[in-house]
Amino acid sequence: MAPAKKEVVKPKAKKTTPTQTGNKVWFIILFAFTFIIYGNTLQNEYALDDGIVITNNDFVQSGFAGIKDILTYDSVTVRRFLYMKI
């Protein structure tokens, strides 16, 4: 008696659906559009309020520990000036 042949099951190749391809295209379009709009700001230096909001702000300088304070308080006092978030 001849041995029975074992059936080899090949895994099916993962097909890309039109929806997945369409999502990739929209992502690339969105990325390109965003870069076109905001890309020219990469060469800019600090704005006028960056010193108050970033470099001299104790909450920001304290790192992750300051996140709670940033979200809790409405304003920051720096050198006699009151700065309120918009």
N, C-alpha and C. Protein backbone atom coordinates (compact mmCIF):
# COMPACT_ATOMS: atom_id res chain seq x y z
N MET A 1 0.83 -1.17 0.00
CA MET A 1 0.00 0.00 0.00
C MET A 1 0.89 1.25 0.00
N ALA A 2 0.54 2.20 -0.83
CA ALA A 2 1.33 3.42 -0.97
C ALA A 2 0.97 4.40 0.15
N PRO A 3 2.01 5.11 0.68
CA PRO A 3 1.69 6.07 1.74
C PRO A 3 0.82 7.21 1.21
N ALA A 4 -0.07 7.68 2.06
CA ALA A 4 -0.99 8.76 1.66
C ALA A 4 -0.21 10.07 1.54
N LYS A 5 -0.54 10.83 0.52
CA LYS A 5 0.13 12.11 0.34
C LYS A 5 -0.43 13.12 1.33
N LYS A 6 0.50 13.86 1.91
CA LYS A 6 0.07 14.92 2.81
C LYS A 6 -0.20 16.17 1.98
N GLU A 7 -1.29 16.80 2.30
CA GLU A 7 -1.63 18.02 1.58
C GLU A 7 -0.90 19.19 2.22
N VAL A 8 -0.17 19.91 1.41
CA VAL A 8 0.56 21.07 1.90
C VAL A 8 -0.31 22.30 1.70
N VAL A 9 -0.56 22.99 2.81
CA VAL A 9 -1.39 24.18 2.73
C VAL A 9 -0.47 25.39 2.71
N LYS A 10 -0.52 26.13 1.62
CA LYS A 10 0.30 27.32 1.51
C LYS A 10 -0.46 28.50 2.10
N PRO A 11 0.25 29.32 2.88
CA PRO A 11 -0.44 30.50 3.41
C PRO A 11 -0.77 31.46 2.28
N LYS A 12 -1.96 32.02 2.38
CA LYS A 12 -2.39 32.94 1.34
C LYS A 12 -1.63 34.25 1.48
N ALA A 13 -1.27 34.81 0.35
CA ALA A 13 -0.57 36.09 0.36
C ALA A 13 -1.53 37.18 0.80
N LYS A 14 -1.03 38.08 1.63
CA LYS A 14 -1.87 39.16 2.12
C LYS A 14 -2.06 40.16 0.98
N LYS A 15 -3.30 40.37 0.63
CA LYS A 15 -3.60 41.28 -0.46
C LYS A 15 -3.90 42.66 0.10
N THR A 16 -3.51 43.65 -0.62
CA THR A 16 -3.80 45.02 -0.23
C THR A 16 -5.12 45.41 -0.86
N THR A 17 -6.03 45.83 -0.02
CA THR A 17 -7.33 46.23 -0.52
C THR A 17 -7.25 47.66 -1.03
N PRO A 18 -8.17 48.05 -1.89
CA PRO A 18 -8.17 49.43 -2.38
C PRO A 18 -8.30 50.46 -1.25
N THR A 19 -8.99 50.10 -0.19
CA THR A 19 -9.15 51.02 0.93
C THR A 19 -7.81 51.27 1.60
N GLN A 20 -7.00 50.24 1.81
CA GLN A 20 -5.70 50.42 2.43
C GLN A 20 -4.79 51.25 1.54
N THR A 21 -4.82 51.00 0.25
CA THR A 21 -4.01 51.78 -0.69
C THR A 21 -4.48 53.22 -0.71
N GLY A 22 -5.78 53.43 -0.69
CA GLY A 22 -6.34 54.78 -0.68
C GLY A 22 -5.95 55.54 0.58
N ASN A 23 -5.91 54.85 1.72
CA ASN A 23 -5.51 55.50 2.97
C ASN A 23 -4.06 55.96 2.90
N LYS A 24 -3.20 55.15 2.30
CA LYS A 24 -1.79 55.52 2.17
C LYS A 24 -1.65 56.75 1.28
N VAL A 25 -2.41 56.78 0.21
CA VAL A 25 -2.36 57.92 -0.71
C VAL A 25 -2.81 59.19 0.00
N TRP A 26 -3.91 59.10 0.76
CA TRP A 26 -4.40 60.28 1.48
C TRP A 26 -3.42 60.72 2.55
N PHE A 27 -2.74 59.78 3.17
CA PHE A 27 -1.73 60.15 4.17
C PHE A 27 -0.58 60.90 3.52
N ILE A 28 -0.13 60.43 2.38
CA ILE A 28 0.97 61.10 1.67
C ILE A 28 0.54 62.49 1.20
N ILE A 29 -0.69 62.61 0.69
CA ILE A 29 -1.20 63.90 0.26
C ILE A 29 -1.29 64.86 1.44
N LEU A 30 -1.81 64.39 2.57
CA LEU A 30 -1.93 65.23 3.77
C LEU A 30 -0.57 65.66 4.27
N PHE A 31 0.40 64.75 4.30
CA PHE A 31 1.74 65.08 4.73
C PHE A 31 2.37 66.12 3.82
N ALA A 32 2.24 65.94 2.52
CA ALA A 32 2.82 66.88 1.56
C ALA A 32 2.17 68.25 1.68
N PHE A 33 0.87 68.29 1.82
CA PHE A 33 0.15 69.56 1.96
C PHE A 33 0.59 70.28 3.24
N THR A 34 0.69 69.55 4.34
CA THR A 34 1.12 70.14 5.60
C THR A 34 2.54 70.67 5.49
N PHE A 35 3.41 69.93 4.85
CA PHE A 35 4.79 70.38 4.70
C PHE A 35 4.87 71.62 3.82
N ILE A 36 4.05 71.68 2.77
CA ILE A 36 4.04 72.86 1.91
C ILE A 36 3.59 74.09 2.70
N ILE A 37 2.56 73.93 3.52
CA ILE A 37 2.02 75.05 4.28
C ILE A 37 2.99 75.50 5.38
N TYR A 38 3.51 74.56 6.17
CA TYR A 38 4.31 74.91 7.34
C TYR A 38 5.82 74.74 7.15
N GLY A 39 6.26 74.24 6.03
CA GLY A 39 7.68 73.98 5.81
C GLY A 39 8.55 75.22 5.88
N ASN A 40 7.99 76.37 5.49
CA ASN A 40 8.79 77.59 5.50
C ASN A 40 9.06 78.10 6.91
N THR A 41 8.41 77.56 7.91
CA THR A 41 8.64 78.00 9.29
C THR A 41 9.81 77.28 9.94
N LEU A 42 10.39 76.28 9.30
CA LEU A 42 11.49 75.53 9.89
C LEU A 42 12.74 76.39 10.08
N GLN A 43 12.91 77.42 9.26
CA GLN A 43 14.09 78.26 9.37
C GLN A 43 13.90 79.41 10.35
N ASN A 44 12.69 79.59 10.87
CA ASN A 44 12.42 80.71 11.77
C ASN A 44 13.09 80.53 13.12
N GLU A 45 13.37 81.65 13.77
CA GLU A 45 13.91 81.63 15.11
C GLU A 45 12.75 81.78 16.10
N TYR A 46 13.11 81.94 17.39
CA TYR A 46 12.07 82.10 18.40
C TYR A 46 11.22 83.34 18.15
N ALA A 47 9.96 83.25 18.51
CA ALA A 47 9.05 84.39 18.42
C ALA A 47 9.19 85.22 19.71
N LEU A 48 8.46 86.31 19.77
CA LEU A 48 8.59 87.23 20.90
C LEU A 48 8.21 86.60 22.24
N ASP A 49 7.20 85.76 22.26
CA ASP A 49 6.75 85.20 23.53
C ASP A 49 7.42 83.88 23.89
N ASP A 50 8.31 83.36 23.07
CA ASP A 50 8.94 82.09 23.37
C ASP A 50 9.79 82.13 24.64
N GLY A 51 10.40 83.26 24.92
CA GLY A 51 11.18 83.39 26.15
C GLY A 51 10.31 83.23 27.38
N ILE A 52 9.14 83.82 27.35
CA ILE A 52 8.22 83.74 28.49
C ILE A 52 7.61 82.34 28.60
N VAL A 53 7.21 81.81 27.46
CA VAL A 53 6.47 80.55 27.47
C VAL A 53 7.37 79.33 27.59
N ILE A 54 8.59 79.37 27.06
CA ILE A 54 9.43 78.18 27.03
C ILE A 54 10.69 78.33 27.89
N THR A 55 11.55 79.26 27.53
CA THR A 55 12.87 79.29 28.16
C THR A 55 12.87 79.80 29.60
N ASN A 56 11.95 80.70 29.94
CA ASN A 56 11.90 81.22 31.31
C ASN A 56 10.72 80.67 32.11
N ASN A 57 10.05 79.69 31.60
CA ASN A 57 8.88 79.14 32.26
C ASN A 57 9.31 77.98 33.15
N ASP A 58 9.09 78.12 34.46
CA ASP A 58 9.49 77.07 35.40
C ASP A 58 8.74 75.76 35.17
N PHE A 59 7.48 75.87 34.76
CA PHE A 59 6.68 74.66 34.53
C PHE A 59 7.28 73.86 33.37
N VAL A 60 7.64 74.52 32.31
CA VAL A 60 8.20 73.85 31.14
C VAL A 60 9.59 73.31 31.45
N GLN A 61 10.38 74.09 32.16
CA GLN A 61 11.74 73.67 32.47
C GLN A 61 11.79 72.49 33.43
N SER A 62 10.70 72.23 34.15
CA SER A 62 10.69 71.10 35.08
C SER A 62 10.38 69.78 34.38
N GLY A 63 10.17 69.80 33.07
CA GLY A 63 9.98 68.57 32.30
C GLY A 63 8.60 67.96 32.48
N PHE A 64 8.57 66.63 32.54
CA PHE A 64 7.28 65.93 32.66
C PHE A 64 6.57 66.25 33.97
N ALA A 65 7.31 66.59 34.99
CA ALA A 65 6.69 66.92 36.27
C ALA A 65 5.86 68.19 36.18
N GLY A 66 6.14 69.06 35.22
CA GLY A 66 5.42 70.32 35.10
C GLY A 66 4.15 70.24 34.28
N ILE A 67 3.85 69.10 33.68
CA ILE A 67 2.66 68.98 32.84
C ILE A 67 1.40 69.26 33.63
N LYS A 68 1.31 68.75 34.83
CA LYS A 68 0.13 68.98 35.66
C LYS A 68 -0.04 70.47 35.93
N ASP A 69 1.04 71.17 36.24
CA ASP A 69 0.95 72.60 36.51
C ASP A 69 0.59 73.40 35.26
N ILE A 70 1.11 73.00 34.12
CA ILE A 70 0.79 73.68 32.86
C ILE A 70 -0.70 73.59 32.58
N LEU A 71 -1.27 72.40 32.82
CA LEU A 71 -2.70 72.21 32.56
C LEU A 71 -3.58 72.76 33.66
N THR A 72 -3.03 73.00 34.85
CA THR A 72 -3.83 73.46 35.98
C THR A 72 -3.94 74.98 36.04
N TYR A 73 -2.85 75.69 35.85
CA TYR A 73 -2.84 77.14 36.02
C TYR A 73 -3.11 77.84 34.69
N ASP A 74 -3.83 78.98 34.78
CA ASP A 74 -4.19 79.73 33.58
C ASP A 74 -3.12 80.69 33.12
N SER A 75 -2.23 81.09 34.00
CA SER A 75 -1.25 82.10 33.61
C SER A 75 0.10 81.80 34.24
N VAL A 76 1.09 82.50 33.76
CA VAL A 76 2.45 82.34 34.25
C VAL A 76 2.98 83.74 34.55
N THR A 77 3.58 83.92 35.71
CA THR A 77 4.17 85.21 36.04
C THR A 77 5.67 85.11 35.84
N VAL A 78 6.19 85.95 34.97
CA VAL A 78 7.61 85.97 34.68
C VAL A 78 8.07 87.42 34.75
N ARG A 79 8.97 87.70 35.68
CA ARG A 79 9.54 89.05 35.82
C ARG A 79 8.49 90.14 35.83
N ARG A 80 7.55 90.07 36.71
CA ARG A 80 6.48 91.05 36.92
C ARG A 80 5.42 91.04 35.83
N PHE A 81 5.57 90.25 34.76
CA PHE A 81 4.58 90.25 33.69
C PHE A 81 3.68 89.02 33.85
N LEU A 82 2.41 89.24 33.59
CA LEU A 82 1.44 88.14 33.67
C LEU A 82 1.16 87.71 32.23
N TYR A 83 1.41 86.46 31.95
CA TYR A 83 1.18 85.94 30.61
C TYR A 83 0.04 84.93 30.69
N MET A 84 -1.00 85.16 29.91
CA MET A 84 -2.16 84.26 29.90
C MET A 84 -2.19 83.48 28.60
N LYS A 85 -2.49 82.20 28.70
CA LYS A 85 -2.60 81.36 27.52
C LYS A 85 -3.87 81.73 26.76
N ILE A 86 -3.84 81.52 25.47
CA ILE A 86 -5.04 81.78 24.65
C ILE A 86 -5.84 80.51 24.58
